[in-house]
Amino acid sequence: MLRRVPPVTLPDELDHQARGGVSVLWGMLAVLVVVGCAHERFAMGRKANDTDSSRLVEGSTLGRVRQIERLGERAAQSSSEQASEIARQLAVELRPDQPTAVRSAIIRTLGNINSPASVTGLRAGLQDSEALLRAESCRSLAKIDAPAAMDLLVDTLSRDTDTDVRLSAVRGLGKYRNPKALEALNAALDDRDPAVQYLAMQSMEHVTGKKVGYDVRQWKEIARNPGALLGDTDGKWLR
């Protein structure tokens, strides 16, 4: 015969503590649930914000500059045909209605692609309304191994009215050991700006290998027969 065990009755103090412990436990569980939900909502919100920010950057001027830079990186790792195609695409995008930062990025990138298409694009860059970008175009042209690039620098030196642009053209011509480049530098010795004259003598020193200081009269005498001075390259140009 089974005996019924009487229920255990806790003293009032212990009963109060036990009930309090249960309440605390349920409170902690409730807090964890709330915090977990809040964290999930925050993570979802952050993910949405990241996506929105990414879309915003891609559609912004900064995003377009990054795309152009990535195209330049791709061209550096591609065949000459593929690089030329990239240069053609960039040349088409070099338009006056593009933001200045975008035009600048295109000009810089074209200077790193040795292609006739780059020269075509940079020809447009030399017509830009902003002198800063015309000077940038001169610097990019000086990186390209092509007679057409040198010809554009010669033309820019003779016609552009901005001193910074002419300085960039003079500096660029100093990279070509060519009679035509030397003739253009000789003409720059008569430039109205002393800074252009000074840099022209530096570039002539680089082209000829002669060191006669910064005497305009001596350089003019040296440059009287540029073909003979450079061994008459018959129009061929050497870097």
Protein backbone atom coordinates (compact mmCIF):
# COMPACT_ATOMS: atom_id res chain seq x y z
CA MET A 1 0.00 0.00 0.00
CA LEU A 2 1.48 3.29 -1.17
CA ARG A 3 1.84 6.16 1.17
CA ARG A 4 1.06 9.59 -0.07
CA VAL A 5 3.99 11.96 0.37
CA PRO A 6 2.84 15.30 1.66
CA PRO A 7 3.86 18.32 -0.48
CA VAL A 8 7.01 20.06 0.59
CA THR A 9 6.32 23.47 1.93
CA LEU A 10 9.20 25.90 1.79
CA PRO A 11 9.65 28.49 4.39
CA ASP A 12 8.33 31.87 3.33
CA GLU A 13 11.84 33.29 2.78
CA LEU A 14 13.00 30.40 0.60
CA ASP A 15 9.74 30.39 -1.33
CA HIS A 16 10.11 34.09 -2.01
CA GLN A 17 13.72 33.59 -3.23
CA ALA A 18 12.71 30.73 -5.53
CA ARG A 19 9.89 32.71 -7.05
CA GLY A 20 12.24 35.66 -7.49
CA GLY A 21 14.81 33.49 -9.25
CA VAL A 22 12.21 32.25 -11.72
CA SER A 23 11.15 35.82 -12.41
CA VAL A 24 14.74 36.86 -13.03
CA LEU A 25 15.25 33.90 -15.37
CA TRP A 26 12.17 34.78 -17.41
CA GLY A 27 13.29 38.41 -17.48
CA MET A 28 16.71 37.46 -18.82
CA LEU A 29 15.13 35.28 -21.51
CA ALA A 30 12.88 38.14 -22.55
CA VAL A 31 15.86 40.50 -22.80
CA LEU A 32 17.79 38.01 -24.93
CA VAL A 33 14.85 37.64 -27.31
CA VAL A 34 14.47 41.40 -27.67
CA VAL A 35 18.20 41.92 -28.19
CA GLY A 36 18.35 39.13 -30.75
CA CYS A 37 15.48 40.59 -32.75
CA ALA A 38 17.02 44.04 -32.60
CA HIS A 39 20.39 42.69 -33.77
CA GLU A 40 18.72 40.88 -36.67
CA ARG A 41 16.86 44.04 -37.69
CA PHE A 42 20.11 46.05 -37.42
CA ALA A 43 22.02 43.53 -39.55
CA MET A 44 19.29 43.55 -42.19
CA GLY A 45 19.24 47.34 -42.14
CA ARG A 46 23.02 47.54 -42.45
CA LYS A 47 23.00 45.13 -45.36
CA ALA A 48 20.35 47.21 -47.10
CA ASN A 49 22.32 50.39 -46.43
CA ASP A 50 25.51 48.81 -47.78
CA THR A 51 23.67 47.82 -50.95
CA ASP A 52 22.21 51.29 -51.33
CA SER A 53 25.64 52.87 -50.75
CA SER A 54 27.22 50.57 -53.32
CA ARG A 55 24.58 51.51 -55.87
CA LEU A 56 25.06 55.18 -55.03
CA VAL A 57 28.84 54.98 -55.54
CA GLU A 58 28.51 53.08 -58.80
CA GLY A 59 26.19 55.72 -60.19
CA SER A 60 28.22 58.68 -58.92
CA THR A 61 31.19 60.51 -60.36
CA LEU A 62 33.44 58.63 -57.96
CA GLY A 63 31.99 55.33 -59.16
CA ARG A 64 32.63 56.23 -62.79
CA VAL A 65 36.22 57.21 -61.98
CA ARG A 66 36.73 53.83 -60.32
CA GLN A 67 35.30 52.07 -63.37
CA ILE A 68 37.73 53.94 -65.62
CA GLU A 69 40.65 53.01 -63.38
CA ARG A 70 39.59 49.36 -63.48
CA LEU A 71 39.49 49.55 -67.29
CA GLY A 72 43.05 50.84 -67.22
CA GLU A 73 44.12 47.95 -65.01
CA ARG A 74 42.43 45.51 -67.36
CA ALA A 75 44.17 47.09 -70.38
CA ALA A 76 47.56 46.65 -68.70
CA GLN A 77 46.92 42.91 -68.46
CA SER A 78 45.39 42.50 -71.92
CA SER A 79 46.71 41.98 -75.43
CA SER A 80 47.50 45.03 -77.56
CA GLU A 81 44.26 44.52 -79.52
CA GLN A 82 42.16 44.39 -76.37
CA ALA A 83 43.99 47.37 -74.87
CA SER A 84 43.36 49.35 -78.06
CA GLU A 85 39.67 48.53 -77.87
CA ILE A 86 39.56 49.80 -74.29
CA ALA A 87 41.34 52.97 -75.42
CA ARG A 88 38.74 53.46 -78.16
CA GLN A 89 35.93 53.09 -75.64
CA LEU A 90 37.53 55.63 -73.33
CA ALA A 91 38.20 58.06 -76.19
CA VAL A 92 34.51 58.04 -77.05
CA GLU A 93 33.64 58.88 -73.44
CA LEU A 94 35.99 61.89 -73.35
CA ARG A 95 33.24 64.45 -73.94
CA PRO A 96 32.81 68.03 -72.69
CA ASP A 97 29.58 67.10 -70.88
CA GLN A 98 31.40 64.64 -68.63
CA PRO A 99 32.39 65.81 -65.11
CA THR A 100 35.93 67.15 -64.80
CA ALA A 101 37.00 64.25 -62.57
CA VAL A 102 35.78 61.74 -65.15
CA ARG A 103 37.57 63.50 -68.02
CA SER A 104 40.74 63.66 -65.94
CA ALA A 105 40.56 59.92 -65.16
CA ILE A 106 40.10 59.10 -68.86
CA ILE A 107 43.06 61.27 -69.85
CA ARG A 108 45.33 59.68 -67.24
CA THR A 109 44.25 56.18 -68.23
CA LEU A 110 44.78 56.81 -71.95
CA GLY A 111 48.36 57.84 -71.18
CA ASN A 112 49.00 54.33 -69.86
CA ILE A 113 47.72 52.61 -73.02
CA ASN A 114 50.23 52.72 -75.87
CA SER A 115 47.77 52.82 -78.76
CA PRO A 116 46.82 55.11 -81.67
CA ALA A 117 43.34 55.19 -80.14
CA SER A 118 44.86 56.81 -77.05
CA VAL A 119 46.41 59.53 -79.20
CA THR A 120 43.01 60.17 -80.79
CA GLY A 121 41.40 60.54 -77.39
CA LEU A 122 44.15 62.79 -76.07
CA ARG A 123 43.83 64.99 -79.14
CA ALA A 124 40.33 65.76 -77.86
CA GLY A 125 41.79 66.32 -74.40
CA LEU A 126 44.01 69.06 -75.81
CA GLN A 127 40.84 70.90 -76.87
CA ASP A 128 39.36 70.84 -73.37
CA SER A 129 38.13 74.14 -71.98
CA GLU A 130 40.06 73.55 -68.75
CA ALA A 131 43.79 74.25 -68.95
CA LEU A 132 44.40 71.74 -66.16
CA LEU A 133 43.11 68.92 -68.36
CA ARG A 134 45.00 70.14 -71.42
CA ALA A 135 48.20 70.01 -69.36
CA GLU A 136 47.21 66.53 -68.18
CA SER A 137 46.77 65.51 -71.82
CA CYS A 138 50.32 66.68 -72.59
CA ARG A 139 51.70 64.56 -69.77
CA SER A 140 49.79 61.54 -71.00
CA LEU A 141 50.93 62.05 -74.60
CA ALA A 142 54.54 62.09 -73.46
CA LYS A 143 54.08 58.49 -72.26
CA ILE A 144 52.98 57.19 -75.65
CA ASP A 145 55.55 55.92 -78.16
CA ALA A 146 54.09 57.38 -81.33
CA PRO A 147 55.17 60.14 -83.74
CA ALA A 148 51.60 61.45 -83.68
CA ALA A 149 51.90 62.04 -79.94
CA MET A 150 55.05 64.11 -80.43
CA ASP A 151 53.39 66.08 -83.24
CA LEU A 152 50.50 66.99 -80.93
CA LEU A 153 52.93 68.24 -78.30
CA VAL A 154 54.71 70.37 -80.90
CA ASP A 155 51.40 71.83 -82.05
CA THR A 156 50.23 72.50 -78.50
CA LEU A 157 53.45 74.28 -77.63
CA SER A 158 53.02 76.64 -80.57
CA ARG A 159 49.34 77.49 -80.13
CA ASP A 160 48.16 77.09 -76.52
CA THR A 161 48.06 80.36 -74.58
CA ASP A 162 48.19 78.85 -71.09
CA THR A 163 51.63 78.78 -69.49
CA ASP A 164 51.07 75.55 -67.55
CA VAL A 165 49.96 73.77 -70.73
CA ARG A 166 53.03 74.97 -72.64
CA LEU A 167 55.25 73.90 -69.76
CA SER A 168 53.76 70.41 -69.89
CA ALA A 169 54.30 70.29 -73.67
CA VAL A 170 57.93 71.41 -73.30
CA ARG A 171 58.58 68.80 -70.63
CA GLY A 172 56.99 66.12 -72.80
CA LEU A 173 59.08 67.02 -75.86
CA GLY A 174 62.21 66.52 -73.79
CA LYS A 175 61.51 62.76 -74.01
CA TYR A 176 61.89 62.61 -77.81
CA ARG A 177 65.33 62.54 -79.42
CA ASN A 178 64.04 63.93 -82.67
CA PRO A 179 64.92 66.94 -84.85
CA LYS A 180 61.31 68.10 -84.89
CA ALA A 181 61.15 68.08 -81.11
CA LEU A 182 64.43 69.97 -80.91
CA GLU A 183 63.19 72.59 -83.36
CA ALA A 184 60.07 73.14 -81.27
CA LEU A 185 62.15 73.47 -78.11
CA ASN A 186 64.43 75.94 -79.87
CA ALA A 187 61.40 78.05 -80.74
CA ALA A 188 60.30 77.88 -77.11
CA LEU A 189 63.47 79.75 -76.16
CA ASP A 190 61.69 82.86 -77.47
CA ASP A 191 58.59 82.25 -75.34
CA ARG A 192 57.36 85.29 -73.44
CA ASP A 193 57.42 83.32 -70.17
CA PRO A 194 60.88 82.81 -68.56
CA ALA A 195 59.68 79.55 -67.00
CA VAL A 196 59.00 78.11 -70.46
CA GLN A 197 62.44 79.24 -71.66
CA TYR A 198 64.12 77.68 -68.64
CA LEU A 199 62.33 74.35 -69.03
CA ALA A 200 63.01 74.36 -72.79
CA MET A 201 66.73 74.47 -72.08
CA GLN A 202 66.38 71.59 -69.63
CA SER A 203 64.53 69.54 -72.24
CA MET A 204 67.10 70.41 -74.92
CA GLU A 205 69.82 69.19 -72.58
CA HIS A 206 67.95 65.92 -72.20
CA VAL A 207 67.41 65.56 -75.95
CA THR A 208 70.97 66.39 -77.01
CA GLY A 209 72.95 65.15 -74.04
CA LYS A 210 74.85 68.47 -74.04
CA LYS A 211 75.37 70.48 -70.89
CA VAL A 212 75.95 74.16 -71.58
CA GLY A 213 74.03 75.65 -68.70
CA TYR A 214 71.19 78.07 -69.18
CA ASP A 215 72.50 80.40 -71.85
CA VAL A 216 69.79 80.97 -74.46
CA ARG A 217 72.27 82.16 -77.09
CA GLN A 218 74.40 79.03 -76.78
CA TRP A 219 71.38 76.76 -77.08
CA LYS A 220 70.18 78.63 -80.14
CA GLU A 221 73.56 78.11 -81.73
CA ILE A 222 73.52 74.42 -80.89
CA ALA A 223 70.02 73.97 -82.30
CA ARG A 224 70.73 75.67 -85.65
CA ASN A 225 71.16 72.28 -87.33
CA PRO A 226 69.12 69.79 -85.32
CA GLY A 227 69.34 67.01 -87.93
CA ALA A 228 73.11 66.98 -87.85
CA LEU A 229 73.15 67.36 -84.09
CA LEU A 230 71.02 64.25 -83.64
CA GLY A 231 72.56 62.24 -86.45
CA ASP A 232 69.72 62.97 -88.91
CA THR A 233 67.10 60.41 -87.90
CA ASP A 234 65.11 60.98 -91.15
CA GLY A 235 61.95 61.56 -89.20
CA LYS A 236 62.45 58.52 -87.01
CA TRP A 237 62.06 59.18 -83.33
CA LEU A 238 63.87 57.54 -80.46
CA ARG A 239 62.91 57.61 -76.81
